[in-house]
Amino acid sequence: MRHRFYAAEQILHLDLNSGVTAARALEQVIPVLEAHPELWSWDWIVDTRVVPTDASVDQIARLAEMFQRPARSAITAFATDDRFLHLWARVMDFQFPGRQHLVVSSAGAAVQLIGRRRATKMNRI
């Protein structure tokens, strides 16, 4: 798993396309979240063309246990070809209050989605 911080934009990009297992990705991301709790308030792009076959409800529950409610509403955009991930994403909305989980077709589409949602929020002020 690779990750990248875009501090100016407050976006965390997680790239799971290297064939990493879900267990290994979780093992790698937990120390990052512990070292940088502010990331819970950032928007996330999780780039995973194919969801790892070992992904489980227990792994998401483990993340939910350490979850810190974001200071502002945030989104996680899953860039994937998995046509069923939107169902799991909806459940995650309840596990992570204040964070919405959406599915898009690519990392580029995720960046555009985040930009549109931020622009909409700015127009409401």
C-alpha atoms as a PDB file:
ATOM      1  CA  MET A   1       0.000   0.000   0.000  1.00  0.00           C
ATOM      2  CA  ARG A   2       1.166   3.455  -0.789  1.00  0.00           C
ATOM      3  CA  HIS A   3      -0.168   6.594   0.810  1.00  0.00           C
ATOM      4  CA  ARG A   4       0.286  10.240   0.070  1.00  0.00           C
ATOM      5  CA  PHE A   5      -0.619  13.369   1.999  1.00  0.00           C
ATOM      6  CA  TYR A   6      -1.857  16.432   0.155  1.00  0.00           C
ATOM      7  CA  ALA A   7      -1.617  18.825   3.110  1.00  0.00           C
ATOM      8  CA  ALA A   8      -2.683  21.995   1.303  1.00  0.00           C
ATOM      9  CA  GLU A   9      -5.840  20.258   0.068  1.00  0.00           C
ATOM     10  CA  GLN A  10      -6.264  18.106   3.204  1.00  0.00           C
ATOM     11  CA  ILE A  11      -6.601  14.922   1.186  1.00  0.00           C
ATOM     12  CA  LEU A  12      -5.191  11.514   2.085  1.00  0.00           C
ATOM     13  CA  HIS A  13      -4.694   9.220  -0.913  1.00  0.00           C
ATOM     14  CA  LEU A  14      -4.404   5.507  -0.178  1.00  0.00           C
ATOM     15  CA  ASP A  15      -3.379   3.365  -3.147  1.00  0.00           C
ATOM     16  CA  LEU A  16      -4.198  -0.328  -2.717  1.00  0.00           C
ATOM     17  CA  ASN A  17      -3.500  -1.264  -6.332  1.00  0.00           C
ATOM     18  CA  SER A  18      -0.162  -2.913  -5.601  1.00  0.00           C
ATOM     19  CA  GLY A  19      -1.810  -6.239  -4.760  1.00  0.00           C
ATOM     20  CA  VAL A  20      -1.668  -5.608  -1.028  1.00  0.00           C
ATOM     21  CA  THR A  21      -4.004  -7.647   1.148  1.00  0.00           C
ATOM     22  CA  ALA A  22      -6.608  -5.827   3.220  1.00  0.00           C
ATOM     23  CA  ALA A  23      -4.937  -7.141   6.382  1.00  0.00           C
ATOM     24  CA  ARG A  24      -1.572  -5.703   5.332  1.00  0.00           C
ATOM     25  CA  ALA A  25      -3.121  -2.380   4.281  1.00  0.00           C
ATOM     26  CA  LEU A  26      -4.822  -2.073   7.670  1.00  0.00           C
ATOM     27  CA  GLU A  27      -1.554  -2.948   9.418  1.00  0.00           C
ATOM     28  CA  GLN A  28       0.132  -0.118   7.492  1.00  0.00           C
ATOM     29  CA  VAL A  29      -2.564   2.536   7.826  1.00  0.00           C
ATOM     30  CA  ILE A  30      -3.173   2.237  11.587  1.00  0.00           C
ATOM     31  CA  PRO A  31       0.223   3.705  12.566  1.00  0.00           C
ATOM     32  CA  VAL A  32      -0.313   6.531  10.064  1.00  0.00           C
ATOM     33  CA  LEU A  33      -3.684   7.394  11.641  1.00  0.00           C
ATOM     34  CA  GLU A  34      -2.247   7.128  15.145  1.00  0.00           C
ATOM     35  CA  ALA A  35       0.614   9.480  14.238  1.00  0.00           C
ATOM     36  CA  HIS A  36      -1.669  11.910  12.383  1.00  0.00           C
ATOM     37  CA  PRO A  37      -5.143  11.958  14.006  1.00  0.00           C
ATOM     38  CA  GLU A  38      -5.984  15.097  12.013  1.00  0.00           C
ATOM     39  CA  LEU A  39      -6.380  12.819   8.987  1.00  0.00           C
ATOM     40  CA  TRP A  40      -9.824  11.802  10.251  1.00  0.00           C
ATOM     41  CA  SER A  41     -10.996  15.314   9.270  1.00  0.00           C
ATOM     42  CA  TRP A  42      -9.440  15.161   5.814  1.00  0.00           C
ATOM     43  CA  ASP A  43     -11.118  13.822   2.712  1.00  0.00           C
ATOM     44  CA  TRP A  44      -9.756  10.450   1.611  1.00  0.00           C
ATOM     45  CA  ILE A  45      -9.292   8.801  -1.746  1.00  0.00           C
ATOM     46  CA  VAL A  46      -8.989   5.024  -1.505  1.00  0.00           C
ATOM     47  CA  ASP A  47      -7.802   3.831  -4.885  1.00  0.00           C
ATOM     48  CA  THR A  48      -8.583   0.133  -5.152  1.00  0.00           C
ATOM     49  CA  ARG A  49      -9.437  -1.073  -8.636  1.00  0.00           C
ATOM     50  CA  VAL A  50     -10.289  -4.415  -7.103  1.00  0.00           C
ATOM     51  CA  VAL A  51     -11.157  -4.714  -3.420  1.00  0.00           C
ATOM     52  CA  PRO A  52      -8.756  -7.169  -1.728  1.00  0.00           C
ATOM     53  CA  THR A  53     -10.380 -10.571  -1.361  1.00  0.00           C
ATOM     54  CA  ASP A  54      -9.578 -10.741   2.347  1.00  0.00           C
ATOM     55  CA  ALA A  55     -11.424  -7.474   3.157  1.00  0.00           C
ATOM     56  CA  SER A  56     -13.761  -8.064   6.077  1.00  0.00           C
ATOM     57  CA  VAL A  57     -16.292  -6.428   8.316  1.00  0.00           C
ATOM     58  CA  ASP A  58     -13.932  -7.042  11.245  1.00  0.00           C
ATOM     59  CA  GLN A  59     -11.213  -4.934   9.628  1.00  0.00           C
ATOM     60  CA  ILE A  60     -13.576  -2.014   9.119  1.00  0.00           C
ATOM     61  CA  ALA A  61     -14.826  -2.430  12.700  1.00  0.00           C
ATOM     62  CA  ARG A  62     -11.227  -2.192  13.900  1.00  0.00           C
ATOM     63  CA  LEU A  63     -10.841   1.129  12.097  1.00  0.00           C
ATOM     64  CA  ALA A  64     -14.185   2.298  13.476  1.00  0.00           C
ATOM     65  CA  GLU A  65     -12.942   1.609  17.015  1.00  0.00           C
ATOM     66  CA  MET A  66     -10.117   4.101  16.596  1.00  0.00           C
ATOM     67  CA  PHE A  67     -12.227   6.574  14.600  1.00  0.00           C
ATOM     68  CA  GLN A  68     -12.205  10.196  15.709  1.00  0.00           C
ATOM     69  CA  ARG A  69     -15.221  12.160  14.565  1.00  0.00           C
ATOM     70  CA  PRO A  70     -14.024  14.773  12.072  1.00  0.00           C
ATOM     71  CA  ALA A  71     -14.094  18.451  12.983  1.00  0.00           C
ATOM     72  CA  ARG A  72     -15.928  18.998   9.693  1.00  0.00           C
ATOM     73  CA  SER A  73     -17.854  16.603   7.508  1.00  0.00           C
ATOM     74  CA  ALA A  74     -15.487  14.577   5.347  1.00  0.00           C
ATOM     75  CA  ILE A  75     -15.746  12.013   2.596  1.00  0.00           C
ATOM     76  CA  THR A  76     -14.016   8.838   1.596  1.00  0.00           C
ATOM     77  CA  ALA A  77     -14.138   8.293  -2.153  1.00  0.00           C
ATOM     78  CA  PHE A  78     -13.441   4.726  -3.224  1.00  0.00           C
ATOM     79  CA  ALA A  79     -12.027   4.593  -6.758  1.00  0.00           C
ATOM     80  CA  THR A  80     -12.953   1.080  -7.827  1.00  0.00           C
ATOM     81  CA  ASP A  81     -14.429  -1.176 -10.443  1.00  0.00           C
ATOM     82  CA  ASP A  82     -16.230  -3.172  -7.728  1.00  0.00           C
ATOM     83  CA  ARG A  83     -19.894  -2.775  -8.576  1.00  0.00           C
ATOM     84  CA  PHE A  84     -21.047  -3.786  -5.090  1.00  0.00           C
ATOM     85  CA  LEU A  85     -18.781  -1.626  -2.939  1.00  0.00           C
ATOM     86  CA  HIS A  86     -21.454   1.091  -2.764  1.00  0.00           C
ATOM     87  CA  LEU A  87     -23.462  -1.231  -0.495  1.00  0.00           C
ATOM     88  CA  TRP A  88     -20.612  -1.586   1.970  1.00  0.00           C
ATOM     89  CA  ALA A  89     -19.856   2.135   1.684  1.00  0.00           C
ATOM     90  CA  ARG A  90     -23.373   2.951   2.847  1.00  0.00           C
ATOM     91  CA  VAL A  91     -22.917   0.831   5.973  1.00  0.00           C
ATOM     92  CA  MET A  92     -19.620   2.618   6.668  1.00  0.00           C
ATOM     93  CA  ASP A  93     -21.515   5.919   6.802  1.00  0.00           C
ATOM     94  CA  PHE A  94     -23.087   4.647  10.028  1.00  0.00           C
ATOM     95  CA  GLN A  95     -19.826   3.277  11.433  1.00  0.00           C
ATOM     96  CA  PHE A  96     -18.013   6.584  10.886  1.00  0.00           C
ATOM     97  CA  PRO A  97     -20.397   9.440  11.825  1.00  0.00           C
ATOM     98  CA  GLY A  98     -19.521  12.667  10.043  1.00  0.00           C
ATOM     99  CA  ARG A  99     -17.811  10.844   7.167  1.00  0.00           C
ATOM    100  CA  GLN A 100     -19.615   9.905   3.958  1.00  0.00           C
ATOM    101  CA  HIS A 101     -18.368   7.012   1.822  1.00  0.00           C
ATOM    102  CA  LEU A 102     -18.876   7.234  -1.943  1.00  0.00           C
ATOM    103  CA  VAL A 103     -17.810   5.143  -4.928  1.00  0.00           C
ATOM    104  CA  VAL A 104     -16.355   6.602  -8.121  1.00  0.00           C
ATOM    105  CA  SER A 105     -14.701   5.144 -11.194  1.00  0.00           C
ATOM    106  CA  SER A 106     -11.177   6.565 -10.790  1.00  0.00           C
ATOM    107  CA  ALA A 107      -8.853   8.589  -8.572  1.00  0.00           C
ATOM    108  CA  GLY A 108      -9.334  11.522 -10.962  1.00  0.00           C
ATOM    109  CA  ALA A 109     -13.100  11.267 -10.514  1.00  0.00           C
ATOM    110  CA  ALA A 110     -12.530  11.234  -6.739  1.00  0.00           C
ATOM    111  CA  VAL A 111     -10.563  14.496  -6.912  1.00  0.00           C
ATOM    112  CA  GLN A 112     -13.363  16.060  -8.979  1.00  0.00           C
ATOM    113  CA  LEU A 113     -16.001  14.816  -6.530  1.00  0.00           C
ATOM    114  CA  ILE A 114     -14.141  16.289  -3.574  1.00  0.00           C
ATOM    115  CA  GLY A 115     -13.762  19.605  -5.416  1.00  0.00           C
ATOM    116  CA  ARG A 116     -17.462  19.751  -6.282  1.00  0.00           C
ATOM    117  CA  ARG A 117     -18.543  18.918  -2.733  1.00  0.00           C
ATOM    118  CA  ARG A 118     -16.229  21.539  -1.280  1.00  0.00           C
ATOM    119  CA  ALA A 119     -17.471  24.148  -3.761  1.00  0.00           C
ATOM    120  CA  THR A 120     -21.067  23.328  -2.803  1.00  0.00           C
ATOM    121  CA  LYS A 121     -20.249  23.765   0.887  1.00  0.00           C
ATOM    122  CA  MET A 122     -18.585  27.119   0.202  1.00  0.00           C
ATOM    123  CA  ASN A 123     -21.661  28.324  -1.674  1.00  0.00           C
ATOM    124  CA  ARG A 124     -23.858  27.562   1.340  1.00  0.00           C
ATOM    125  CA  ILE A 125     -21.926  29.907   3.638  1.00  0.00           C
END
